[in-house]
Amino acid sequence: GQRLRATFATRTMRYGGVILALFIV
């Protein structure tokens, strides 16, 4: 579980970015 040692911000960059793109629309 290497990803577990990443920060919350790092782990949420991908799906957070998708949500933000939908919000912009």
PDB file of all heavy atoms in Angstrom:
ATOM      1  N   GLY A   1       0.801  -1.224   0.000  1.00  0.00           N
ATOM      2  CA  GLY A   1       0.000   0.000   0.000  1.00  0.00           C
ATOM      3  C   GLY A   1       0.830   1.267   0.000  1.00  0.00           C
ATOM      4  O   GLY A   1       0.695   2.106   0.877  1.00  0.00           O
ATOM      5  N   GLN A   2       1.690   1.401  -0.984  1.00  0.00           N
ATOM      6  CA  GLN A   2       2.547   2.580  -1.087  1.00  0.00           C
ATOM      7  C   GLN A   2       1.726   3.866  -1.086  1.00  0.00           C
ATOM      8  O   GLN A   2       2.114   4.857  -0.482  1.00  0.00           O
ATOM      9  CB  GLN A   2       3.369   2.492  -2.376  1.00  0.00           C
ATOM     10  CG  GLN A   2       4.285   3.692  -2.661  1.00  0.00           C
ATOM     11  CD  GLN A   2       5.520   3.703  -1.790  1.00  0.00           C
ATOM     12  OE1 GLN A   2       5.792   2.724  -1.109  1.00  0.00           O
ATOM     13  NE2 GLN A   2       6.233   4.805  -1.791  1.00  0.00           N
ATOM     14  N   ARG A   3       0.564   3.850  -1.746  1.00  0.00           N
ATOM     15  CA  ARG A   3      -0.274   5.051  -1.856  1.00  0.00           C
ATOM     16  C   ARG A   3      -0.777   5.534  -0.513  1.00  0.00           C
ATOM     17  O   ARG A   3      -1.082   6.703  -0.339  1.00  0.00           O
ATOM     18  CB  ARG A   3      -1.470   4.778  -2.773  1.00  0.00           C
ATOM     19  CG  ARG A   3      -1.129   4.489  -4.197  1.00  0.00           C
ATOM     20  CD  ARG A   3      -0.709   5.731  -4.953  1.00  0.00           C
ATOM     21  NE  ARG A   3      -1.799   6.679  -5.085  1.00  0.00           N
ATOM     22  CZ  ARG A   3      -1.688   7.855  -5.652  1.00  0.00           C
ATOM     23  NH1 ARG A   3      -0.522   8.242  -6.127  1.00  0.00           N
ATOM     24  NH2 ARG A   3      -2.717   8.680  -5.745  1.00  0.00           N
ATOM     25  N   LEU A   4      -0.861   4.628   0.464  1.00  0.00           N
ATOM     26  CA  LEU A   4      -1.360   5.022   1.778  1.00  0.00           C
ATOM     27  C   LEU A   4      -0.430   6.009   2.466  1.00  0.00           C
ATOM     28  O   LEU A   4      -0.835   6.752   3.344  1.00  0.00           O
ATOM     29  CB  LEU A   4      -1.570   3.787   2.661  1.00  0.00           C
ATOM     30  CG  LEU A   4      -2.666   2.823   2.206  1.00  0.00           C
ATOM     31  CD1 LEU A   4      -2.711   1.610   3.116  1.00  0.00           C
ATOM     32  CD2 LEU A   4      -4.015   3.518   2.176  1.00  0.00           C
ATOM     33  N   ARG A   5       0.834   5.999   2.078  1.00  0.00           N
ATOM     34  CA  ARG A   5       1.780   6.915   2.696  1.00  0.00           C
ATOM     35  C   ARG A   5       1.761   8.297   2.044  1.00  0.00           C
ATOM     36  O   ARG A   5       2.405   9.221   2.499  1.00  0.00           O
ATOM     37  CB  ARG A   5       3.201   6.321   2.629  1.00  0.00           C
ATOM     38  CG  ARG A   5       3.373   5.110   3.528  1.00  0.00           C
ATOM     39  CD  ARG A   5       4.841   4.841   3.782  1.00  0.00           C
ATOM     40  NE  ARG A   5       5.521   4.318   2.607  1.00  0.00           N
ATOM     41  CZ  ARG A   5       5.593   3.017   2.318  1.00  0.00           C
ATOM     42  NH1 ARG A   5       4.990   2.122   3.092  1.00  0.00           N
ATOM     43  NH2 ARG A   5       6.237   2.607   1.246  1.00  0.00           N
ATOM     44  N   ALA A   6       1.013   8.433   0.956  1.00  0.00           N
ATOM     45  CA  ALA A   6       0.857   9.729   0.308  1.00  0.00           C
ATOM     46  C   ALA A   6      -0.102  10.597   1.126  1.00  0.00           C
ATOM     47  O   ALA A   6      -0.911  10.103   1.909  1.00  0.00           O
ATOM     48  CB  ALA A   6       0.314   9.542  -1.104  1.00  0.00           C
ATOM     49  N   THR A   7      -0.012  11.917   0.937  1.00  0.00           N
ATOM     50  CA  THR A   7      -0.896  12.819   1.656  1.00  0.00           C
ATOM     51  C   THR A   7      -2.308  12.734   1.085  1.00  0.00           C
ATOM     52  O   THR A   7      -2.524  12.244  -0.020  1.00  0.00           O
ATOM     53  CB  THR A   7      -0.393  14.264   1.550  1.00  0.00           C
ATOM     54  OG1 THR A   7      -0.462  14.669   0.166  1.00  0.00           O
ATOM     55  CG2 THR A   7       1.036  14.399   2.057  1.00  0.00           C
ATOM     56  N   PHE A   8      -3.268  13.280   1.851  1.00  0.00           N
ATOM     57  CA  PHE A   8      -4.656  13.302   1.387  1.00  0.00           C
ATOM     58  C   PHE A   8      -4.765  14.081   0.078  1.00  0.00           C
ATOM     59  O   PHE A   8      -5.474  13.667  -0.847  1.00  0.00           O
ATOM     60  CB  PHE A   8      -5.540  13.951   2.456  1.00  0.00           C
ATOM     61  CG  PHE A   8      -6.964  14.146   2.023  1.00  0.00           C
ATOM     62  CD1 PHE A   8      -7.847  13.080   1.979  1.00  0.00           C
ATOM     63  CD2 PHE A   8      -7.415  15.401   1.634  1.00  0.00           C
ATOM     64  CE1 PHE A   8      -9.160  13.255   1.564  1.00  0.00           C
ATOM     65  CE2 PHE A   8      -8.720  15.587   1.218  1.00  0.00           C
ATOM     66  CZ  PHE A   8      -9.596  14.513   1.189  1.00  0.00           C
ATOM     67  N   ALA A   9      -4.045  15.207  -0.012  1.00  0.00           N
ATOM     68  CA  ALA A   9      -4.077  16.029  -1.226  1.00  0.00           C
ATOM     69  C   ALA A   9      -3.578  15.247  -2.428  1.00  0.00           C
ATOM     70  O   ALA A   9      -4.154  15.312  -3.522  1.00  0.00           O
ATOM     71  CB  ALA A   9      -3.243  17.290  -1.028  1.00  0.00           C
ATOM     72  N   THR A  10      -2.489  14.493  -2.246  1.00  0.00           N
ATOM     73  CA  THR A  10      -1.934  13.708  -3.348  1.00  0.00           C
ATOM     74  C   THR A  10      -2.918  12.646  -3.806  1.00  0.00           C
ATOM     75  O   THR A  10      -3.114  12.431  -5.008  1.00  0.00           O
ATOM     76  CB  THR A  10      -0.619  13.038  -2.919  1.00  0.00           C
ATOM     77  OG1 THR A  10       0.278  14.039  -2.437  1.00  0.00           O
ATOM     78  CG2 THR A  10       0.030  12.297  -4.063  1.00  0.00           C
ATOM     79  N   ARG A  11      -3.555  11.968  -2.841  1.00  0.00           N
ATOM     80  CA  ARG A  11      -4.477  10.881  -3.184  1.00  0.00           C
ATOM     81  C   ARG A  11      -5.744  11.382  -3.871  1.00  0.00           C
ATOM     82  O   ARG A  11      -6.404  10.632  -4.586  1.00  0.00           O
ATOM     83  CB  ARG A  11      -4.840  10.086  -1.926  1.00  0.00           C
ATOM     84  CG  ARG A  11      -3.680   9.337  -1.294  1.00  0.00           C
ATOM     85  CD  ARG A  11      -4.167   8.259  -0.335  1.00  0.00           C
ATOM     86  NE  ARG A  11      -5.035   8.777   0.698  1.00  0.00           N
ATOM     87  CZ  ARG A  11      -4.625   9.238   1.880  1.00  0.00           C
ATOM     88  NH1 ARG A  11      -3.333   9.248   2.159  1.00  0.00           N
ATOM     89  NH2 ARG A  11      -5.478   9.676   2.773  1.00  0.00           N
ATOM     90  N   THR A  12      -6.106  12.649  -3.632  1.00  0.00           N
ATOM     91  CA  THR A  12      -7.362  13.168  -4.192  1.00  0.00           C
ATOM     92  C   THR A  12      -7.169  14.000  -5.459  1.00  0.00           C
ATOM     93  O   THR A  12      -8.149  14.498  -6.006  1.00  0.00           O
ATOM     94  CB  THR A  12      -8.096  14.039  -3.147  1.00  0.00           C
ATOM     95  OG1 THR A  12      -7.234  15.123  -2.743  1.00  0.00           O
ATOM     96  CG2 THR A  12      -8.492  13.229  -1.933  1.00  0.00           C
ATOM     97  N   MET A  13      -5.937  14.140  -5.931  1.00  0.00           N
ATOM     98  CA  MET A  13      -5.686  14.991  -7.090  1.00  0.00           C
ATOM     99  C   MET A  13      -6.461  14.536  -8.322  1.00  0.00           C
ATOM    100  O   MET A  13      -7.027  15.349  -9.050  1.00  0.00           O
ATOM    101  CB  MET A  13      -4.192  15.038  -7.413  1.00  0.00           C
ATOM    102  CG  MET A  13      -3.365  15.853  -6.428  1.00  0.00           C
ATOM    103  SD  MET A  13      -3.827  17.603  -6.367  1.00  0.00           S
ATOM    104  CE  MET A  13      -2.996  18.220  -7.824  1.00  0.00           C
ATOM    105  N   ARG A  14      -6.518  13.232  -8.562  1.00  0.00           N
ATOM    106  CA  ARG A  14      -7.146  12.742  -9.789  1.00  0.00           C
ATOM    107  C   ARG A  14      -8.656  12.912  -9.772  1.00  0.00           C
ATOM    108  O   ARG A  14      -9.224  13.598 -10.623  1.00  0.00           O
ATOM    109  CB  ARG A  14      -6.759  11.280 -10.023  1.00  0.00           C
ATOM    110  CG  ARG A  14      -5.321  11.107 -10.484  1.00  0.00           C
ATOM    111  CD  ARG A  14      -4.938   9.644 -10.586  1.00  0.00           C
ATOM    112  NE  ARG A  14      -3.533   9.494 -10.967  1.00  0.00           N
ATOM    113  CZ  ARG A  14      -2.870   8.355 -10.911  1.00  0.00           C
ATOM    114  NH1 ARG A  14      -3.471   7.254 -10.496  1.00  0.00           N
ATOM    115  NH2 ARG A  14      -1.601   8.300 -11.271  1.00  0.00           N
ATOM    116  N   TYR A  15      -9.308  12.268  -8.809  1.00  0.00           N
ATOM    117  CA  TYR A  15     -10.770  12.357  -8.828  1.00  0.00           C
ATOM    118  C   TYR A  15     -11.255  13.727  -8.387  1.00  0.00           C
ATOM    119  O   TYR A  15     -12.325  14.187  -8.787  1.00  0.00           O
ATOM    120  CB  TYR A  15     -11.427  11.239  -8.014  1.00  0.00           C
ATOM    121  CG  TYR A  15     -11.195  11.244  -6.536  1.00  0.00           C
ATOM    122  CD1 TYR A  15     -11.914  12.093  -5.697  1.00  0.00           C
ATOM    123  CD2 TYR A  15     -10.292  10.364  -5.932  1.00  0.00           C
ATOM    124  CE1 TYR A  15     -11.730  12.076  -4.328  1.00  0.00           C
ATOM    125  CE2 TYR A  15     -10.103  10.340  -4.566  1.00  0.00           C
ATOM    126  CZ  TYR A  15     -10.826  11.202  -3.764  1.00  0.00           C
ATOM    127  OH  TYR A  15     -10.640  11.186  -2.404  1.00  0.00           O
ATOM    128  N   GLY A  16     -10.449  14.426  -7.570  1.00  0.00           N
ATOM    129  CA  GLY A  16     -10.790  15.797  -7.210  1.00  0.00           C
ATOM    130  C   GLY A  16     -10.769  16.689  -8.433  1.00  0.00           C
ATOM    131  O   GLY A  16     -11.633  17.556  -8.604  1.00  0.00           O
ATOM    132  N   GLY A  17      -9.801  16.470  -9.317  1.00  0.00           N
ATOM    133  CA  GLY A  17      -9.719  17.236 -10.552  1.00  0.00           C
ATOM    134  C   GLY A  17     -10.907  16.980 -11.458  1.00  0.00           C
ATOM    135  O   GLY A  17     -11.432  17.906 -12.096  1.00  0.00           O
ATOM    136  N   VAL A  18     -11.364  15.733 -11.533  1.00  0.00           N
ATOM    137  CA  VAL A  18     -12.538  15.397 -12.349  1.00  0.00           C
ATOM    138  C   VAL A  18     -13.781  16.108 -11.806  1.00  0.00           C
ATOM    139  O   VAL A  18     -14.573  16.682 -12.569  1.00  0.00           O
ATOM    140  CB  VAL A  18     -12.763  13.870 -12.367  1.00  0.00           C
ATOM    141  CG1 VAL A  18     -14.090  13.533 -13.058  1.00  0.00           C
ATOM    142  CG2 VAL A  18     -11.608  13.165 -13.068  1.00  0.00           C
ATOM    143  N   ILE A  19     -13.949  16.082 -10.481  1.00  0.00           N
ATOM    144  CA  ILE A  19     -15.096  16.751  -9.863  1.00  0.00           C
ATOM    145  C   ILE A  19     -15.050  18.250 -10.134  1.00  0.00           C
ATOM    146  O   ILE A  19     -16.072  18.884 -10.436  1.00  0.00           O
ATOM    147  CB  ILE A  19     -15.135  16.467  -8.346  1.00  0.00           C
ATOM    148  CG1 ILE A  19     -15.427  14.991  -8.090  1.00  0.00           C
ATOM    149  CG2 ILE A  19     -16.183  17.343  -7.652  1.00  0.00           C
ATOM    150  CD1 ILE A  19     -15.283  14.571  -6.642  1.00  0.00           C
ATOM    151  N   LEU A  20     -13.858  18.842 -10.047  1.00  0.00           N
ATOM    152  CA  LEU A  20     -13.708  20.278 -10.304  1.00  0.00           C
ATOM    153  C   LEU A  20     -14.046  20.619 -11.755  1.00  0.00           C
ATOM    154  O   LEU A  20     -14.663  21.655 -12.027  1.00  0.00           O
ATOM    155  CB  LEU A  20     -12.287  20.726  -9.978  1.00  0.00           C
ATOM    156  CG  LEU A  20     -11.956  20.847  -8.487  1.00  0.00           C
ATOM    157  CD1 LEU A  20     -10.467  21.112  -8.288  1.00  0.00           C
ATOM    158  CD2 LEU A  20     -12.785  21.965  -7.851  1.00  0.00           C
ATOM    159  N   ALA A  21     -13.644  19.766 -12.688  1.00  0.00           N
ATOM    160  CA  ALA A  21     -13.954  19.995 -14.099  1.00  0.00           C
ATOM    161  C   ALA A  21     -15.469  19.990 -14.321  1.00  0.00           C
ATOM    162  O   ALA A  21     -16.017  20.846 -15.039  1.00  0.00           O
ATOM    163  CB  ALA A  21     -13.288  18.933 -14.971  1.00  0.00           C
ATOM    164  N   LEU A  22     -16.172  19.044 -13.687  1.00  0.00           N
ATOM    165  CA  LEU A  22     -17.630  18.987 -13.796  1.00  0.00           C
ATOM    166  C   LEU A  22     -18.275  20.207 -13.144  1.00  0.00           C
ATOM    167  O   LEU A  22     -19.249  20.766 -13.660  1.00  0.00           O
ATOM    168  CB  LEU A  22     -18.160  17.709 -13.143  1.00  0.00           C
ATOM    169  CG  LEU A  22     -17.762  16.396 -13.825  1.00  0.00           C
ATOM    170  CD1 LEU A  22     -18.215  15.208 -12.981  1.00  0.00           C
ATOM    171  CD2 LEU A  22     -18.357  16.312 -15.225  1.00  0.00           C
ATOM    172  N   PHE A  23     -17.693  20.642 -12.012  1.00  0.00           N
ATOM    173  CA  PHE A  23     -18.225  21.826 -11.321  1.00  0.00           C
ATOM    174  C   PHE A  23     -18.069  23.077 -12.188  1.00  0.00           C
ATOM    175  O   PHE A  23     -18.966  23.928 -12.223  1.00  0.00           O
ATOM    176  CB  PHE A  23     -17.503  22.035  -9.990  1.00  0.00           C
ATOM    177  CG  PHE A  23     -17.823  23.368  -9.353  1.00  0.00           C
ATOM    178  CD1 PHE A  23     -19.048  23.577  -8.751  1.00  0.00           C
ATOM    179  CD2 PHE A  23     -16.899  24.410  -9.386  1.00  0.00           C
ATOM    180  CE1 PHE A  23     -19.358  24.808  -8.179  1.00  0.00           C
ATOM    181  CE2 PHE A  23     -17.189  25.637  -8.820  1.00  0.00           C
ATOM    182  CZ  PHE A  23     -18.425  25.840  -8.207  1.00  0.00           C
ATOM    183  N   ILE A  24     -16.941  23.220 -12.880  1.00  0.00           N
ATOM    184  CA  ILE A  24     -16.715  24.380 -13.740  1.00  0.00           C
ATOM    185  C   ILE A  24     -17.800  24.467 -14.809  1.00  0.00           C
ATOM    186  O   ILE A  24     -18.346  25.547 -15.069  1.00  0.00           O
ATOM    187  CB  ILE A  24     -15.314  24.315 -14.384  1.00  0.00           C
ATOM    188  CG1 ILE A  24     -14.239  24.554 -13.321  1.00  0.00           C
ATOM    189  CG2 ILE A  24     -15.178  25.351 -15.505  1.00  0.00           C
ATOM    190  CD1 ILE A  24     -12.838  24.268 -13.793  1.00  0.00           C
ATOM    191  N   VAL A  25     -18.139  23.320 -15.408  1.00  0.00           N
ATOM    192  CA  VAL A  25     -19.194  23.299 -16.426  1.00  0.00           C
ATOM    193  C   VAL A  25     -20.513  23.758 -15.818  1.00  0.00           C
ATOM    194  O   VAL A  25     -21.213  24.624 -16.370  1.00  0.00           O
ATOM    195  CB  VAL A  25     -19.344  21.884 -17.029  1.00  0.00           C
ATOM    196  CG1 VAL A  25     -20.550  21.827 -17.961  1.00  0.00           C
ATOM    197  CG2 VAL A  25     -18.073  21.487 -17.772  1.00  0.00           C
TER     198      VAL A  25
END
